[in-house]
Amino acid sequence: MTLLKKLIATLLLVPGLVLAAESTFPLDQAPDHTKDLAALQNGARLFVNYCLNCHSASSMRYNKLKDIGLTEEQIKDNLLFTSDKVGDMMTVSMAPKDAKVWFGATPPDLSVIARAKASGEGSGPDWLYTYLRTFYKDDTRPTGWNNLVFPNVGMPHVLWELQGVRAAKFEDVKDPHDHTKVVHKFAGFEQVTPGKMTALEYDKSVADLVSFMTWMAEPAQTTRKRLGVWVLLFLGVFMVITWRLNASYWKNVK
């Protein structure tokens, strides 16, 4: 038991691990745009332009984007970098060792991040949706940014031009569980400089981006859910037939 406790304590101290830095900040419910092809296409554009510079999605090929309504020409013209091909995986050229030097930890692969972030606090999409909307300016951090969902995160606010620069306001209040202590409580955001989008436009764009990452984590989920309905209907009909056959078989025995 002592060895297990030491191992857990060591893991919690490793820089960059989510367990060490995440807070209990309440998560907002992410809008589900996974059935909206236009939203998924917008999410793919945002992902390639703002996420794929540092994060890879090594389980996803560019040509899989044809499943969300994009043609091969649209993928080539709008979503590929110079040396990439339509059949390539979504990888980045940045070396992991360089990323660790710049950010303190290697940026994680985002292929299944929407599923990996699920917890008792909410779904993976909820975590991502809240996380991307709670960055604030913090000059004490190396990147100049901090986050309410993931305090002291090494990632900068890559969408700041769209959202604008915001500062977080905090207030000291008494701990409801121990009135002798004071806790630092979040009291809202203050918009320092405007972004290219309004607050509503930004929230919708983040919802599109999160929906794309949700789709990317399991591209076949729509087909799976559709087939699941037919499977359940078949099993229901088959159960009724089996029940009546069983009654017919045993009626003379009784």
Protein backbone atom coordinates (compact mmCIF):
# COMPACT_ATOMS: atom_id res chain seq x y z
CA MET A 1 0.00 0.00 0.00
CA THR A 2 2.88 2.36 0.84
CA LEU A 3 4.45 1.72 -2.57
CA LEU A 4 1.13 2.48 -4.29
CA LYS A 5 0.79 5.78 -2.40
CA LYS A 6 4.32 6.79 -3.41
CA LEU A 7 3.60 5.94 -7.05
CA ILE A 8 0.41 8.05 -7.05
CA ALA A 9 2.19 10.95 -5.40
CA THR A 10 4.96 10.78 -8.00
CA LEU A 11 2.47 10.82 -10.88
CA LEU A 12 0.68 13.82 -9.44
CA LEU A 13 3.92 15.79 -9.43
CA VAL A 14 4.83 15.09 -13.06
CA PRO A 15 4.49 18.36 -15.06
CA GLY A 16 1.85 18.37 -17.75
CA LEU A 17 -0.31 15.57 -16.36
CA VAL A 18 -3.98 16.49 -16.23
CA LEU A 19 -4.36 15.00 -12.75
CA ALA A 20 -1.94 17.52 -11.33
CA ALA A 21 -3.46 20.66 -12.71
CA GLU A 22 -7.15 20.33 -13.40
CA SER A 23 -9.62 22.10 -11.16
CA THR A 24 -13.20 21.44 -10.22
CA PHE A 25 -14.46 24.42 -12.21
CA PRO A 26 -18.03 23.61 -13.32
CA LEU A 27 -18.34 22.50 -16.93
CA ASP A 28 -20.82 23.97 -19.41
CA GLN A 29 -22.80 21.59 -21.59
CA ALA A 30 -21.38 21.57 -25.10
CA PRO A 31 -23.86 22.02 -27.97
CA ASP A 32 -23.97 18.92 -30.17
CA HIS A 33 -23.34 19.84 -33.81
CA THR A 34 -22.09 16.40 -34.88
CA LYS A 35 -25.04 15.94 -37.26
CA ASP A 36 -24.59 19.36 -38.87
CA LEU A 37 -22.20 18.97 -41.83
CA ALA A 38 -21.65 22.73 -42.17
CA ALA A 39 -20.71 22.95 -38.49
CA LEU A 40 -18.34 19.98 -38.80
CA GLN A 41 -16.70 21.54 -41.85
CA ASN A 42 -16.20 24.80 -39.97
CA GLY A 43 -14.82 22.82 -37.03
CA ALA A 44 -12.38 21.03 -39.35
CA ARG A 45 -11.19 24.39 -40.71
CA LEU A 46 -10.62 25.73 -37.18
CA PHE A 47 -8.88 22.53 -36.14
CA VAL A 48 -6.44 22.61 -39.04
CA ASN A 49 -5.70 26.34 -38.71
CA TYR A 50 -5.43 26.63 -34.92
CA CYS A 51 -4.81 23.17 -33.41
CA LEU A 52 -2.82 21.23 -35.98
CA ASN A 53 0.19 23.55 -35.66
CA CYS A 54 1.21 21.93 -32.35
CA HIS A 55 -1.20 19.01 -31.80
CA SER A 56 -1.40 16.01 -34.08
CA ALA A 57 -4.38 13.78 -34.83
CA SER A 58 -2.39 10.77 -35.93
CA SER A 59 -5.38 8.42 -36.09
CA MET A 60 -7.18 10.55 -38.68
CA ARG A 61 -6.46 10.83 -42.40
CA TYR A 62 -7.30 13.98 -44.35
CA ASN A 63 -9.32 11.99 -46.88
CA LYS A 64 -11.66 10.85 -44.08
CA LEU A 65 -12.99 14.42 -44.11
CA LYS A 66 -14.96 13.45 -47.20
CA ASP A 67 -17.36 11.81 -44.74
CA ILE A 68 -18.42 15.28 -43.54
CA GLY A 69 -19.25 16.47 -47.03
CA LEU A 70 -15.91 17.85 -48.24
CA THR A 71 -14.60 16.98 -51.69
CA GLU A 72 -11.00 16.00 -52.31
CA GLU A 73 -10.41 19.33 -54.06
CA GLN A 74 -11.80 21.28 -51.09
CA ILE A 75 -9.52 19.34 -48.75
CA LYS A 76 -6.50 20.05 -50.96
CA ASP A 77 -7.28 23.74 -51.42
CA ASN A 78 -8.37 24.65 -47.90
CA LEU A 79 -7.06 22.16 -45.35
CA LEU A 80 -3.70 20.87 -46.55
CA PHE A 81 -0.29 22.39 -46.00
CA THR A 82 2.23 22.47 -48.85
CA SER A 83 3.86 19.06 -48.35
CA ASP A 84 0.78 17.14 -47.15
CA LYS A 85 -1.27 14.78 -49.28
CA VAL A 86 -4.94 13.87 -49.02
CA GLY A 87 -4.12 10.33 -47.90
CA ASP A 88 -1.72 11.47 -45.15
CA MET A 89 -2.36 11.31 -41.42
CA MET A 90 -2.95 14.57 -39.55
CA THR A 91 0.51 14.92 -38.05
CA VAL A 92 2.73 17.89 -37.20
CA SER A 93 6.33 18.58 -38.15
CA MET A 94 7.28 19.93 -34.71
CA ALA A 95 9.59 17.55 -32.85
CA PRO A 96 8.30 16.35 -29.44
CA LYS A 97 11.55 17.42 -27.73
CA ASP A 98 11.18 20.96 -29.08
CA ALA A 99 7.56 21.11 -27.96
CA LYS A 100 8.55 20.02 -24.47
CA VAL A 101 11.16 22.79 -24.28
CA TRP A 102 8.71 25.46 -25.48
CA PHE A 103 5.58 24.40 -23.59
CA GLY A 104 6.93 22.36 -20.67
CA ALA A 105 5.19 19.21 -21.95
CA THR A 106 4.62 17.55 -25.31
CA PRO A 107 1.19 18.61 -26.71
CA PRO A 108 -1.05 15.53 -26.64
CA ASP A 109 -2.45 13.87 -29.74
CA LEU A 110 -6.06 15.00 -30.21
CA SER A 111 -7.44 12.01 -32.12
CA VAL A 112 -9.59 10.78 -29.22
CA ILE A 113 -9.32 13.72 -26.82
CA ALA A 114 -13.10 14.21 -26.82
CA ARG A 115 -13.50 10.74 -25.32
CA ALA A 116 -10.42 10.84 -23.09
CA LYS A 117 -11.59 13.93 -21.20
CA ALA A 118 -14.88 12.41 -20.03
CA SER A 119 -15.23 12.25 -16.24
CA GLY A 120 -17.77 12.44 -13.46
CA GLU A 121 -17.84 16.22 -13.93
CA GLY A 122 -19.14 15.95 -17.50
CA SER A 123 -18.49 14.56 -20.96
CA GLY A 124 -15.31 15.06 -22.94
CA PRO A 125 -17.01 17.61 -25.23
CA ASP A 126 -18.21 19.51 -22.14
CA TRP A 127 -14.62 19.69 -20.86
CA LEU A 128 -13.24 20.90 -24.18
CA TYR A 129 -16.06 23.42 -24.71
CA THR A 130 -15.55 24.98 -21.27
CA TYR A 131 -11.76 24.82 -21.48
CA LEU A 132 -11.57 26.71 -24.79
CA ARG A 133 -13.87 29.44 -23.42
CA THR A 134 -12.14 30.07 -20.07
CA PHE A 135 -8.68 31.33 -21.01
CA TYR A 136 -7.66 34.64 -19.44
CA LYS A 137 -4.63 36.93 -19.50
CA ASP A 138 -2.07 36.11 -16.80
CA ASP A 139 1.32 37.83 -17.02
CA THR A 140 2.75 35.56 -14.32
CA ARG A 141 2.61 32.56 -16.68
CA PRO A 142 5.34 31.89 -19.29
CA THR A 143 2.78 31.92 -22.12
CA GLY A 144 0.96 34.98 -20.76
CA TRP A 145 -2.26 32.96 -20.40
CA ASN A 146 -4.02 30.84 -17.80
CA ASN A 147 -7.18 28.76 -17.73
CA LEU A 148 -9.95 28.14 -15.21
CA VAL A 149 -10.57 24.51 -16.16
CA PHE A 150 -6.85 23.63 -16.36
CA PRO A 151 -4.95 26.06 -14.08
CA ASN A 152 -1.34 26.78 -15.04
CA VAL A 153 -1.70 24.92 -18.32
CA GLY A 154 1.30 25.12 -20.64
CA MET A 155 -0.86 25.79 -23.71
CA PRO A 156 -1.34 29.42 -24.79
CA HIS A 157 -4.72 30.75 -25.87
CA VAL A 158 -4.48 30.00 -29.60
CA LEU A 159 -7.95 31.40 -30.30
CA TRP A 160 -7.33 34.75 -28.61
CA GLU A 161 -7.62 36.73 -31.85
CA LEU A 162 -11.16 35.41 -32.27
CA GLN A 163 -12.24 35.83 -28.66
CA GLY A 164 -10.16 38.85 -27.74
CA VAL A 165 -8.15 39.36 -24.57
CA ARG A 166 -9.98 38.79 -21.29
CA ALA A 167 -8.91 39.21 -17.69
CA ALA A 168 -10.33 37.10 -14.89
CA LYS A 169 -11.66 38.73 -11.73
CA PHE A 170 -11.28 36.94 -8.41
CA GLU A 171 -12.50 37.74 -4.92
CA ASP A 172 -11.55 36.44 -1.50
CA VAL A 173 -14.46 34.79 0.31
CA LYS A 174 -14.74 32.65 3.42
CA ASP A 175 -14.48 28.94 2.90
CA PRO A 176 -18.03 27.55 3.41
CA HIS A 177 -16.54 24.44 5.01
CA ASP A 178 -14.09 26.27 7.28
CA HIS A 179 -14.89 29.91 8.14
CA THR A 180 -11.36 30.45 9.45
CA LYS A 181 -10.01 30.11 5.91
CA VAL A 182 -10.33 32.34 2.86
CA VAL A 183 -10.63 30.98 -0.68
CA HIS A 184 -9.90 32.68 -4.00
CA LYS A 185 -13.20 32.58 -5.92
CA PHE A 186 -13.73 33.37 -9.60
CA ALA A 187 -15.97 36.43 -10.02
CA GLY A 188 -16.25 36.81 -13.79
CA PHE A 189 -14.36 37.98 -16.86
CA GLU A 190 -13.46 41.48 -17.99
CA GLN A 191 -13.03 42.07 -21.73
CA VAL A 192 -9.73 43.93 -22.18
CA THR A 193 -9.65 44.06 -25.98
CA PRO A 194 -12.34 42.85 -28.41
CA GLY A 195 -11.81 39.90 -30.70
CA LYS A 196 -12.76 39.32 -34.32
CA MET A 197 -15.94 37.59 -33.16
CA THR A 198 -18.71 38.50 -30.79
CA ALA A 199 -19.17 36.33 -27.69
CA LEU A 200 -22.01 34.41 -29.35
CA GLU A 201 -20.05 33.89 -32.57
CA TYR A 202 -17.05 32.66 -30.61
CA ASP A 203 -19.12 30.22 -28.56
CA LYS A 204 -20.66 28.82 -31.74
CA SER A 205 -17.25 28.44 -33.38
CA VAL A 206 -15.92 26.62 -30.32
CA ALA A 207 -18.99 24.37 -30.38
CA ASP A 208 -18.24 23.59 -34.06
CA LEU A 209 -14.60 22.83 -33.22
CA VAL A 210 -15.54 20.59 -30.29
CA SER A 211 -18.17 18.82 -32.40
CA PHE A 212 -15.53 18.10 -35.02
CA MET A 213 -13.19 16.66 -32.38
CA THR A 214 -16.10 14.59 -31.06
CA TRP A 215 -16.77 13.27 -34.57
CA MET A 216 -13.04 12.68 -35.12
CA ALA A 217 -12.82 10.54 -31.97
CA GLU A 218 -15.29 8.10 -33.58
CA PRO A 219 -16.18 8.91 -37.20
CA ALA A 220 -18.49 5.89 -37.39
CA GLN A 221 -20.58 6.92 -34.38
CA THR A 222 -23.55 8.13 -36.46
CA THR A 223 -23.65 4.86 -38.39
CA ARG A 224 -23.23 2.90 -35.16
CA LYS A 225 -26.13 4.66 -33.49
CA ARG A 226 -28.36 4.25 -36.56
CA LEU A 227 -27.58 0.53 -36.82
CA GLY A 228 -28.05 0.17 -33.08
CA VAL A 229 -31.69 1.21 -33.38
CA TRP A 230 -32.33 -1.45 -36.04
CA VAL A 231 -30.52 -4.09 -33.99
CA LEU A 232 -32.65 -3.32 -30.94
CA LEU A 233 -35.83 -3.46 -33.04
CA PHE A 234 -34.77 -6.83 -34.49
CA LEU A 235 -33.99 -8.20 -31.04
CA GLY A 236 -37.36 -6.96 -29.79
CA VAL A 237 -39.26 -8.68 -32.60
CA PHE A 238 -37.16 -11.84 -32.23
CA MET A 239 -37.84 -11.88 -28.47
CA VAL A 240 -41.62 -11.79 -29.08
CA ILE A 241 -41.34 -14.63 -31.61
CA THR A 242 -39.19 -16.67 -29.20
CA TRP A 243 -41.64 -16.07 -26.36
CA ARG A 244 -44.60 -17.29 -28.42
CA LEU A 245 -42.66 -20.33 -29.71
CA ASN A 246 -41.72 -21.21 -26.17
CA ALA A 247 -45.36 -20.95 -25.06
CA SER A 248 -46.49 -23.11 -28.00
CA TYR A 249 -43.85 -25.77 -27.29
CA TRP A 250 -44.68 -26.14 -23.60
CA LYS A 251 -48.46 -25.81 -23.71
CA ASN A 252 -49.06 -29.55 -24.17
CA VAL A 253 -46.52 -30.44 -21.48
CA LYS A 254 -48.34 -28.36 -18.94
